[in-house]
Amino acid sequence: MKLSKFIEDLEHVKDLLSSYGWFPGPGNSLRWWAGYDDPFHIIVTAILAQMSRWNVVDRVFRKLSDFGLVTPDSLASLGVDGLEEILKPLNFRRSKARTLIEVSKLLLGVNPDSLPLEDARRVFLEVKGIGSETADSILLFAYNKPTVPISSQLRRVAGRYGIELPKGYDEARRWLVKELNYDLYKLKLLHAATTIIAKEFCKVRKVKCNRCFLSKNCSSRKITFQGL
């Protein structure tokens, strides 16, 4: 029941998420952050976003687009040095350049869309530089696979709301997917909304309960208000 209420509260604020760059739509929609809706563009930006600000990611992606480097063919043919130079504004640019080239080569021979979820996860996780959260983001938004990234932000927001997720990453992922009945819309909304709530309101220390979308029904509201 608590999870159902959590999703219901997130549902009430979905229209506000566009002002933060997220566009939760129908479950089969491929539209994710900043309106990107091409599967490969989602893959590229998901990799670039690791430990980097989204506004910088958007700027770098647009530069890649200007150079015509937003297809698997174009990136697979590049050398690491050349791509690293374009990614210069980002953290870990060299490792991200290697990851983009490797995943591009992979996608020239493998279609993850045709694979069962767990097989597709293994394919992405074999690429150096793609961890569980990035793989699940890609699979959920680029391929409409019923999974969800278990981020520290999701754990923090859900935990303060009163939802105790299983401790293990895969256990938490499978539990949420099952409890949400494999509903792609709810899984996407969960990721988008908790990412923004954690970033803007439900921070590690300086919480802003008085502005948070979830404050009315959040179990930690009175406790966290003491830190304001």
Protein backbone atom coordinates (compact mmCIF):
# COMPACT_ATOMS: atom_id res chain seq x y z
CA MET A 1 0.00 0.00 0.00
CA LYS A 2 2.83 2.40 0.85
CA LEU A 3 4.40 1.92 -2.59
CA SER A 4 1.04 2.49 -4.29
CA LYS A 5 0.63 5.77 -2.37
CA PHE A 6 4.17 6.74 -3.28
CA ILE A 7 3.47 6.28 -6.99
CA GLU A 8 0.16 8.10 -6.60
CA ASP A 9 1.96 11.09 -5.09
CA LEU A 10 4.52 11.03 -7.90
CA GLU A 11 1.66 10.89 -10.40
CA HIS A 12 0.31 14.16 -9.01
CA VAL A 13 3.54 15.99 -9.85
CA LYS A 14 4.38 14.45 -13.23
CA ASP A 15 3.34 17.59 -15.12
CA LEU A 16 5.89 19.62 -13.15
CA LEU A 17 8.77 17.38 -14.18
CA SER A 18 9.06 18.92 -17.63
CA SER A 19 10.40 22.10 -16.04
CA TYR A 20 13.30 19.96 -14.79
CA GLY A 21 13.91 18.34 -18.16
CA TRP A 22 11.99 15.09 -17.70
CA PHE A 23 8.96 14.07 -19.73
CA PRO A 24 7.27 10.92 -18.37
CA GLY A 25 4.76 9.88 -20.99
CA PRO A 26 3.00 6.69 -22.04
CA GLY A 27 4.88 3.55 -21.11
CA ASN A 28 5.95 2.86 -24.68
CA SER A 29 7.31 6.37 -25.19
CA LEU A 30 11.07 6.58 -25.68
CA ARG A 31 11.24 10.19 -24.55
CA TRP A 32 13.59 10.72 -21.68
CA TRP A 33 15.71 13.53 -20.25
CA ALA A 34 15.79 16.75 -22.33
CA GLY A 35 13.33 15.21 -24.78
CA TYR A 36 15.80 12.77 -26.36
CA ASP A 37 13.82 9.95 -27.93
CA ASP A 38 16.24 8.15 -30.24
CA PRO A 39 17.45 4.90 -28.61
CA PHE A 40 21.10 5.49 -29.47
CA HIS A 41 20.95 9.10 -28.32
CA ILE A 42 19.58 7.87 -25.00
CA ILE A 43 22.46 5.39 -24.73
CA VAL A 44 25.05 8.09 -25.46
CA THR A 45 23.63 10.63 -23.01
CA ALA A 46 23.20 7.97 -20.30
CA ILE A 47 26.90 7.17 -20.56
CA LEU A 48 27.96 10.81 -20.71
CA ALA A 49 25.83 11.65 -17.66
CA GLN A 50 27.87 9.50 -15.30
CA MET A 51 29.36 11.84 -12.67
CA SER A 52 28.62 14.88 -14.89
CA ARG A 53 26.06 17.66 -14.88
CA TRP A 54 23.16 17.27 -17.29
CA ASN A 55 23.55 20.74 -18.78
CA VAL A 56 27.15 19.88 -19.69
CA VAL A 57 26.04 16.53 -21.12
CA ASP A 58 23.45 18.27 -23.28
CA ARG A 59 26.04 20.73 -24.58
CA VAL A 60 28.53 17.97 -25.41
CA PHE A 61 25.88 15.86 -27.10
CA ARG A 62 24.88 18.77 -29.30
CA LYS A 63 28.53 19.18 -30.27
CA LEU A 64 28.69 15.50 -31.19
CA SER A 65 25.54 15.99 -33.24
CA ASP A 66 27.08 18.97 -35.05
CA PHE A 67 29.99 16.73 -36.05
CA GLY A 68 27.62 13.97 -37.19
CA LEU A 69 28.79 11.63 -34.43
CA VAL A 70 25.52 10.36 -33.01
CA THR A 71 25.18 6.98 -34.71
CA PRO A 72 26.90 3.67 -33.90
CA ASP A 73 28.67 3.71 -37.29
CA SER A 74 30.13 7.16 -36.79
CA LEU A 75 31.36 6.59 -33.24
CA ALA A 76 32.66 3.06 -33.83
CA SER A 77 35.08 4.38 -36.45
CA LEU A 78 36.64 7.02 -34.19
CA GLY A 79 39.84 6.83 -32.21
CA VAL A 80 39.80 7.43 -28.47
CA ASP A 81 41.98 10.54 -28.69
CA GLY A 82 39.71 12.32 -31.16
CA LEU A 83 36.54 11.54 -29.27
CA GLU A 84 38.11 12.46 -25.94
CA GLU A 85 38.83 15.94 -27.24
CA ILE A 86 35.14 16.49 -28.02
CA LEU A 87 34.18 15.19 -24.57
CA LYS A 88 36.64 17.54 -22.88
CA PRO A 89 34.04 19.41 -20.72
CA LEU A 90 32.99 16.13 -19.05
CA ASN A 91 34.44 14.26 -16.10
CA PHE A 92 36.20 10.99 -16.98
CA ARG A 93 36.16 11.94 -20.63
CA ARG A 94 38.75 9.38 -21.77
CA SER A 95 37.02 6.43 -20.16
CA LYS A 96 33.69 7.66 -21.54
CA ALA A 97 35.22 7.92 -25.01
CA ARG A 98 36.34 4.29 -24.77
CA THR A 99 32.91 3.21 -23.53
CA LEU A 100 31.08 5.02 -26.34
CA ILE A 101 33.32 3.46 -28.98
CA GLU A 102 32.98 -0.02 -27.47
CA VAL A 103 29.19 0.14 -27.12
CA SER A 104 28.89 1.49 -30.66
CA LYS A 105 30.86 -1.44 -32.03
CA LEU A 106 28.72 -3.80 -29.97
CA LEU A 107 25.47 -2.36 -31.32
CA LEU A 108 26.62 -2.85 -34.90
CA GLY A 109 26.39 -6.59 -34.30
CA VAL A 110 23.81 -7.00 -31.54
CA ASN A 111 20.23 -5.75 -31.26
CA PRO A 112 19.38 -5.59 -27.52
CA ASP A 113 15.75 -4.95 -28.40
CA SER A 114 15.44 -8.53 -29.66
CA LEU A 115 16.85 -10.03 -26.45
CA PRO A 116 15.10 -10.92 -23.20
CA LEU A 117 15.70 -8.36 -20.45
CA GLU A 118 18.34 -10.25 -18.48
CA ASP A 119 20.26 -11.20 -21.62
CA ALA A 120 20.21 -7.58 -22.77
CA ARG A 121 21.45 -6.48 -19.32
CA ARG A 122 24.39 -8.87 -19.55
CA VAL A 123 25.28 -7.52 -23.00
CA PHE A 124 25.50 -3.94 -21.72
CA LEU A 125 27.20 -4.88 -18.45
CA GLU A 126 30.00 -6.54 -20.41
CA VAL A 127 30.96 -3.10 -21.76
CA LYS A 128 33.60 -1.51 -19.56
CA GLY A 129 32.21 1.72 -18.17
CA ILE A 130 28.56 0.63 -18.09
CA GLY A 131 27.38 -0.34 -14.62
CA SER A 132 24.05 -1.55 -13.39
CA GLU A 133 22.39 1.87 -13.05
CA THR A 134 23.42 2.97 -16.54
CA ALA A 135 22.43 -0.36 -18.07
CA ASP A 136 19.00 -0.26 -16.45
CA SER A 137 18.46 3.36 -17.49
CA ILE A 138 19.29 2.43 -21.07
CA LEU A 139 17.09 -0.67 -21.07
CA LEU A 140 14.11 1.11 -19.50
CA PHE A 141 14.14 4.25 -21.60
CA ALA A 142 15.80 3.23 -24.88
CA TYR A 143 14.32 -0.27 -25.21
CA ASN A 144 11.19 -0.23 -23.01
CA LYS A 145 12.40 -3.16 -20.94
CA PRO A 146 10.72 -3.51 -17.52
CA THR A 147 13.60 -2.64 -15.20
CA VAL A 148 14.61 0.37 -13.12
CA PRO A 149 17.95 1.82 -11.98
CA ILE A 150 18.37 1.56 -8.21
CA SER A 151 20.17 4.81 -7.52
CA SER A 152 21.16 6.25 -4.17
CA GLN A 153 18.63 9.02 -4.87
CA LEU A 154 15.81 6.51 -5.29
CA ARG A 155 16.80 4.73 -2.08
CA ARG A 156 16.98 8.01 -0.15
CA VAL A 157 13.63 9.38 -1.30
CA ALA A 158 11.80 6.07 -0.99
CA GLY A 159 13.38 5.33 2.38
CA ARG A 160 12.42 8.68 3.87
CA TYR A 161 8.93 8.29 2.49
CA GLY A 162 8.66 5.02 4.39
CA ILE A 163 9.48 2.37 1.78
CA GLU A 164 12.27 -0.02 2.71
CA LEU A 165 13.80 -1.48 -0.43
CA PRO A 166 15.69 -4.78 -0.34
CA LYS A 167 19.39 -4.16 0.34
CA GLY A 168 20.83 -5.84 -2.74
CA TYR A 169 20.74 -3.98 -6.06
CA ASP A 170 19.15 -6.75 -8.10
CA GLU A 171 16.82 -7.73 -5.28
CA ALA A 172 15.54 -4.14 -5.04
CA ARG A 173 15.23 -3.86 -8.81
CA ARG A 174 13.26 -7.08 -9.17
CA TRP A 175 11.06 -6.26 -6.17
CA LEU A 176 10.08 -2.86 -7.56
CA VAL A 177 9.42 -4.20 -11.04
CA LYS A 178 7.21 -6.95 -9.67
CA GLU A 179 5.38 -4.70 -7.20
CA LEU A 180 4.70 -2.19 -9.98
CA ASN A 181 3.40 -5.00 -12.18
CA TYR A 182 6.03 -4.44 -14.90
CA ASP A 183 4.35 -1.12 -15.70
CA LEU A 184 6.79 0.86 -17.88
CA TYR A 185 5.09 4.17 -17.23
CA LYS A 186 5.31 3.78 -13.46
CA LEU A 187 8.92 2.61 -13.63
CA LYS A 188 9.89 5.62 -15.74
CA LEU A 189 7.95 8.01 -13.54
CA LEU A 190 9.61 6.52 -10.46
CA HIS A 191 13.08 7.10 -11.84
CA ALA A 192 12.47 10.59 -13.22
CA ALA A 193 10.57 11.92 -10.22
CA THR A 194 12.86 10.56 -7.51
CA THR A 195 15.91 11.83 -9.38
CA ILE A 196 14.52 15.38 -9.34
CA ILE A 197 13.12 15.20 -5.80
CA ALA A 198 16.47 13.96 -4.47
CA LYS A 199 18.37 16.66 -6.31
CA GLU A 200 16.11 19.59 -5.51
CA PHE A 201 14.44 18.81 -2.17
CA CYS A 202 15.31 15.52 -0.49
CA LYS A 203 19.02 16.16 -0.26
CA VAL A 204 21.44 14.24 1.92
CA ARG A 205 21.68 17.05 4.50
CA LYS A 206 19.93 20.30 3.56
CA VAL A 207 16.42 18.99 3.02
CA LYS A 208 13.61 21.25 1.82
CA CYS A 209 10.50 19.49 3.06
CA ASN A 210 8.39 22.63 2.87
CA ARG A 211 8.86 22.66 -0.93
CA CYS A 212 8.92 18.92 -1.62
CA PHE A 213 6.18 17.30 -3.70
CA LEU A 214 5.97 14.40 -1.24
CA SER A 215 5.90 16.25 2.08
CA LYS A 216 2.21 15.64 2.82
CA ASN A 217 2.58 11.88 3.11
CA CYS A 218 6.30 11.48 3.78
CA SER A 219 7.11 9.53 6.95
CA SER A 220 10.24 11.61 7.61
CA ARG A 221 8.66 15.03 7.12
CA LYS A 222 8.61 16.09 10.78
CA ILE A 223 12.04 14.68 11.43
CA THR A 224 13.66 16.31 8.44
CA PHE A 225 11.96 19.63 9.09
CA GLN A 226 14.12 19.92 12.20
CA GLY A 227 17.14 20.30 9.95
CA LEU A 228 15.76 23.30 8.09
